[in-house]
Amino acid sequence: MTEPIPPLRRTLSRTLGAAAFLLLAGYAAFEARRLIAGPAITIASPRDGSVVAGPVVHITGEARNAAFFAMNDAQAFVDESGRFDEALSPPPGYTVLTLRATDRFGRTAAATVRVTVADYCPARS
């Protein structure tokens, strides 16, 4: 004949099992938060509304959870850590740069930075 499990032991076993389940579910939700959030773009430079002197504009920043990344609808590239550094040679005047990131589920994020490119003319000697 088998002995019944004492109530204290049964309660302790159920409590530990529930705690382990909650810990595992919490960890899974913590790890999945980036997938749930979708792509995100952060532009480090240039600042929106800034004036850039020179023929080349470097746009730098970070794109997270991006399977496809584009600048002004042309494919651009990010490194393993999600950072990007793209050079663009726009004409002098007001320029709008639009960055788009798409994740593997088709969700899209966009960021826009507006810069004024000063007419660059070096002094002649």
C-alpha atoms as a PDB file:
ATOM      1  CA  MET A   1       0.000   0.000   0.000  1.00  0.00           C
ATOM      2  CA  THR A   2       1.301   3.461  -0.882  1.00  0.00           C
ATOM      3  CA  GLU A   3       1.335   6.216   1.636  1.00  0.00           C
ATOM      4  CA  PRO A   4      -0.454   9.462   0.772  1.00  0.00           C
ATOM      5  CA  ILE A   5       1.724  12.547   0.310  1.00  0.00           C
ATOM      6  CA  PRO A   6       1.568  14.823   3.355  1.00  0.00           C
ATOM      7  CA  PRO A   7      -0.290  18.110   2.741  1.00  0.00           C
ATOM      8  CA  LEU A   8       2.763  20.288   3.513  1.00  0.00           C
ATOM      9  CA  ARG A   9       4.926  18.416   1.026  1.00  0.00           C
ATOM     10  CA  ARG A  10       2.203  18.561  -1.647  1.00  0.00           C
ATOM     11  CA  THR A  11       1.765  22.318  -1.123  1.00  0.00           C
ATOM     12  CA  LEU A  12       5.512  22.901  -1.281  1.00  0.00           C
ATOM     13  CA  SER A  13       5.783  20.821  -4.463  1.00  0.00           C
ATOM     14  CA  ARG A  14       2.962  22.723  -6.164  1.00  0.00           C
ATOM     15  CA  THR A  15       4.352  26.101  -5.080  1.00  0.00           C
ATOM     16  CA  LEU A  16       7.821  25.310  -6.417  1.00  0.00           C
ATOM     17  CA  GLY A  17       6.347  24.003  -9.676  1.00  0.00           C
ATOM     18  CA  ALA A  18       4.251  27.153 -10.134  1.00  0.00           C
ATOM     19  CA  ALA A  19       7.251  29.372  -9.341  1.00  0.00           C
ATOM     20  CA  ALA A  20       9.402  27.518 -11.892  1.00  0.00           C
ATOM     21  CA  PHE A  21       6.670  27.871 -14.534  1.00  0.00           C
ATOM     22  CA  LEU A  22       6.275  31.607 -13.869  1.00  0.00           C
ATOM     23  CA  LEU A  23      10.031  32.118 -13.990  1.00  0.00           C
ATOM     24  CA  LEU A  24      10.279  30.295 -17.322  1.00  0.00           C
ATOM     25  CA  ALA A  25       7.284  32.198 -18.793  1.00  0.00           C
ATOM     26  CA  GLY A  26       8.721  35.523 -17.622  1.00  0.00           C
ATOM     27  CA  TYR A  27      12.103  34.765 -19.172  1.00  0.00           C
ATOM     28  CA  ALA A  28      10.454  33.769 -22.488  1.00  0.00           C
ATOM     29  CA  ALA A  29       8.470  37.024 -22.552  1.00  0.00           C
ATOM     30  CA  PHE A  30      11.617  39.024 -21.732  1.00  0.00           C
ATOM     31  CA  GLU A  31      13.543  37.437 -24.612  1.00  0.00           C
ATOM     32  CA  ALA A  32      10.632  37.846 -27.053  1.00  0.00           C
ATOM     33  CA  ARG A  33      10.117  41.555 -26.343  1.00  0.00           C
ATOM     34  CA  ARG A  34      12.302  42.654 -29.267  1.00  0.00           C
ATOM     35  CA  LEU A  35      10.407  40.460 -31.714  1.00  0.00           C
ATOM     36  CA  ILE A  36       7.086  41.701 -30.369  1.00  0.00           C
ATOM     37  CA  ALA A  37       8.142  45.368 -30.561  1.00  0.00           C
ATOM     38  CA  GLY A  38       9.104  45.308 -34.252  1.00  0.00           C
ATOM     39  CA  PRO A  39      11.865  47.325 -35.956  1.00  0.00           C
ATOM     40  CA  ALA A  40      13.204  50.602 -34.581  1.00  0.00           C
ATOM     41  CA  ILE A  41      15.511  53.260 -36.052  1.00  0.00           C
ATOM     42  CA  THR A  42      17.614  55.758 -34.103  1.00  0.00           C
ATOM     43  CA  ILE A  43      19.480  58.467 -36.035  1.00  0.00           C
ATOM     44  CA  ALA A  44      22.606  59.680 -34.215  1.00  0.00           C
ATOM     45  CA  SER A  45      23.773  62.263 -36.756  1.00  0.00           C
ATOM     46  CA  PRO A  46      23.047  64.603 -38.398  1.00  0.00           C
ATOM     47  CA  ARG A  47      20.430  66.197 -36.167  1.00  0.00           C
ATOM     48  CA  ASP A  48      17.082  67.104 -37.671  1.00  0.00           C
ATOM     49  CA  GLY A  49      17.156  70.666 -39.048  1.00  0.00           C
ATOM     50  CA  SER A  50      20.940  70.975 -38.999  1.00  0.00           C
ATOM     51  CA  VAL A  51      23.131  72.664 -41.609  1.00  0.00           C
ATOM     52  CA  VAL A  52      25.851  70.514 -43.152  1.00  0.00           C
ATOM     53  CA  ALA A  53      28.877  72.130 -44.783  1.00  0.00           C
ATOM     54  CA  GLY A  54      30.559  69.990 -47.378  1.00  0.00           C
ATOM     55  CA  PRO A  55      29.679  67.881 -50.359  1.00  0.00           C
ATOM     56  CA  VAL A  56      29.139  64.641 -48.391  1.00  0.00           C
ATOM     57  CA  VAL A  57      26.569  63.990 -45.667  1.00  0.00           C
ATOM     58  CA  HIS A  58      27.274  61.063 -43.311  1.00  0.00           C
ATOM     59  CA  ILE A  59      24.182  59.641 -41.675  1.00  0.00           C
ATOM     60  CA  THR A  60      24.829  57.375 -38.695  1.00  0.00           C
ATOM     61  CA  GLY A  61      22.653  55.563 -36.207  1.00  0.00           C
ATOM     62  CA  GLU A  62      21.210  52.215 -35.229  1.00  0.00           C
ATOM     63  CA  ALA A  63      18.496  49.968 -36.668  1.00  0.00           C
ATOM     64  CA  ARG A  64      17.154  47.194 -34.426  1.00  0.00           C
ATOM     65  CA  ASN A  65      15.250  44.107 -35.596  1.00  0.00           C
ATOM     66  CA  ALA A  66      15.675  45.035 -39.263  1.00  0.00           C
ATOM     67  CA  ALA A  67      15.707  42.345 -41.933  1.00  0.00           C
ATOM     68  CA  PHE A  68      15.698  44.989 -44.694  1.00  0.00           C
ATOM     69  CA  PHE A  69      17.042  48.540 -44.374  1.00  0.00           C
ATOM     70  CA  ALA A  70      16.787  51.364 -46.910  1.00  0.00           C
ATOM     71  CA  MET A  71      17.763  55.025 -47.160  1.00  0.00           C
ATOM     72  CA  ASN A  72      15.648  57.109 -49.582  1.00  0.00           C
ATOM     73  CA  ASP A  73      14.265  53.831 -51.002  1.00  0.00           C
ATOM     74  CA  ALA A  74      17.756  52.506 -51.861  1.00  0.00           C
ATOM     75  CA  GLN A  75      19.093  49.505 -49.970  1.00  0.00           C
ATOM     76  CA  ALA A  76      21.528  50.375 -47.198  1.00  0.00           C
ATOM     77  CA  PHE A  77      23.439  48.117 -44.839  1.00  0.00           C
ATOM     78  CA  VAL A  78      23.808  47.683 -41.093  1.00  0.00           C
ATOM     79  CA  ASP A  79      26.602  45.829 -39.280  1.00  0.00           C
ATOM     80  CA  GLU A  80      26.190  42.889 -36.881  1.00  0.00           C
ATOM     81  CA  SER A  81      25.297  45.165 -33.979  1.00  0.00           C
ATOM     82  CA  GLY A  82      22.700  47.097 -36.009  1.00  0.00           C
ATOM     83  CA  ARG A  83      24.750  50.254 -36.594  1.00  0.00           C
ATOM     84  CA  PHE A  84      24.800  52.061 -39.911  1.00  0.00           C
ATOM     85  CA  ASP A  85      27.030  54.749 -41.437  1.00  0.00           C
ATOM     86  CA  GLU A  86      25.998  55.840 -44.913  1.00  0.00           C
ATOM     87  CA  ALA A  87      27.484  58.616 -47.044  1.00  0.00           C
ATOM     88  CA  LEU A  88      25.297  60.631 -49.361  1.00  0.00           C
ATOM     89  CA  SER A  89      26.161  63.464 -51.732  1.00  0.00           C
ATOM     90  CA  PRO A  90      22.984  65.547 -52.080  1.00  0.00           C
ATOM     91  CA  PRO A  91      22.802  68.801 -54.021  1.00  0.00           C
ATOM     92  CA  PRO A  92      23.124  72.067 -52.075  1.00  0.00           C
ATOM     93  CA  GLY A  93      19.942  73.168 -50.359  1.00  0.00           C
ATOM     94  CA  TYR A  94      17.201  71.487 -48.336  1.00  0.00           C
ATOM     95  CA  THR A  95      17.315  67.671 -48.282  1.00  0.00           C
ATOM     96  CA  VAL A  96      15.032  65.133 -46.625  1.00  0.00           C
ATOM     97  CA  LEU A  97      16.554  61.746 -45.791  1.00  0.00           C
ATOM     98  CA  THR A  98      14.108  58.931 -45.066  1.00  0.00           C
ATOM     99  CA  LEU A  99      15.226  55.664 -43.489  1.00  0.00           C
ATOM    100  CA  ARG A 100      13.011  52.573 -43.467  1.00  0.00           C
ATOM    101  CA  ALA A 101      13.472  49.289 -41.639  1.00  0.00           C
ATOM    102  CA  THR A 102      11.339  46.202 -42.213  1.00  0.00           C
ATOM    103  CA  ASP A 103      11.435  43.140 -39.976  1.00  0.00           C
ATOM    104  CA  ARG A 104      10.934  39.545 -41.073  1.00  0.00           C
ATOM    105  CA  PHE A 105       7.200  39.761 -40.281  1.00  0.00           C
ATOM    106  CA  GLY A 106       6.666  42.714 -42.631  1.00  0.00           C
ATOM    107  CA  ARG A 107       6.339  45.392 -39.948  1.00  0.00           C
ATOM    108  CA  THR A 108       7.923  48.708 -40.936  1.00  0.00           C
ATOM    109  CA  ALA A 109       9.469  51.627 -39.062  1.00  0.00           C
ATOM    110  CA  ALA A 110      10.592  54.903 -40.619  1.00  0.00           C
ATOM    111  CA  ALA A 111      12.682  57.848 -39.490  1.00  0.00           C
ATOM    112  CA  THR A 112      13.231  61.141 -41.285  1.00  0.00           C
ATOM    113  CA  VAL A 113      15.948  63.741 -40.887  1.00  0.00           C
ATOM    114  CA  ARG A 114      15.909  67.109 -42.662  1.00  0.00           C
ATOM    115  CA  VAL A 115      19.205  68.843 -43.377  1.00  0.00           C
ATOM    116  CA  THR A 116      20.322  71.887 -45.306  1.00  0.00           C
ATOM    117  CA  VAL A 117      23.442  71.317 -47.352  1.00  0.00           C
ATOM    118  CA  ALA A 118      25.469  74.536 -47.513  1.00  0.00           C
ATOM    119  CA  ASP A 119      26.972  75.325 -50.886  1.00  0.00           C
ATOM    120  CA  TYR A 120      30.527  74.144 -50.432  1.00  0.00           C
ATOM    121  CA  CYS A 121      33.077  76.192 -52.323  1.00  0.00           C
ATOM    122  CA  PRO A 122      36.665  76.050 -51.038  1.00  0.00           C
ATOM    123  CA  ALA A 123      38.670  79.265 -51.130  1.00  0.00           C
ATOM    124  CA  ARG A 124      40.911  79.646 -54.149  1.00  0.00           C
ATOM    125  CA  SER A 125      44.513  80.676 -53.733  1.00  0.00           C
END
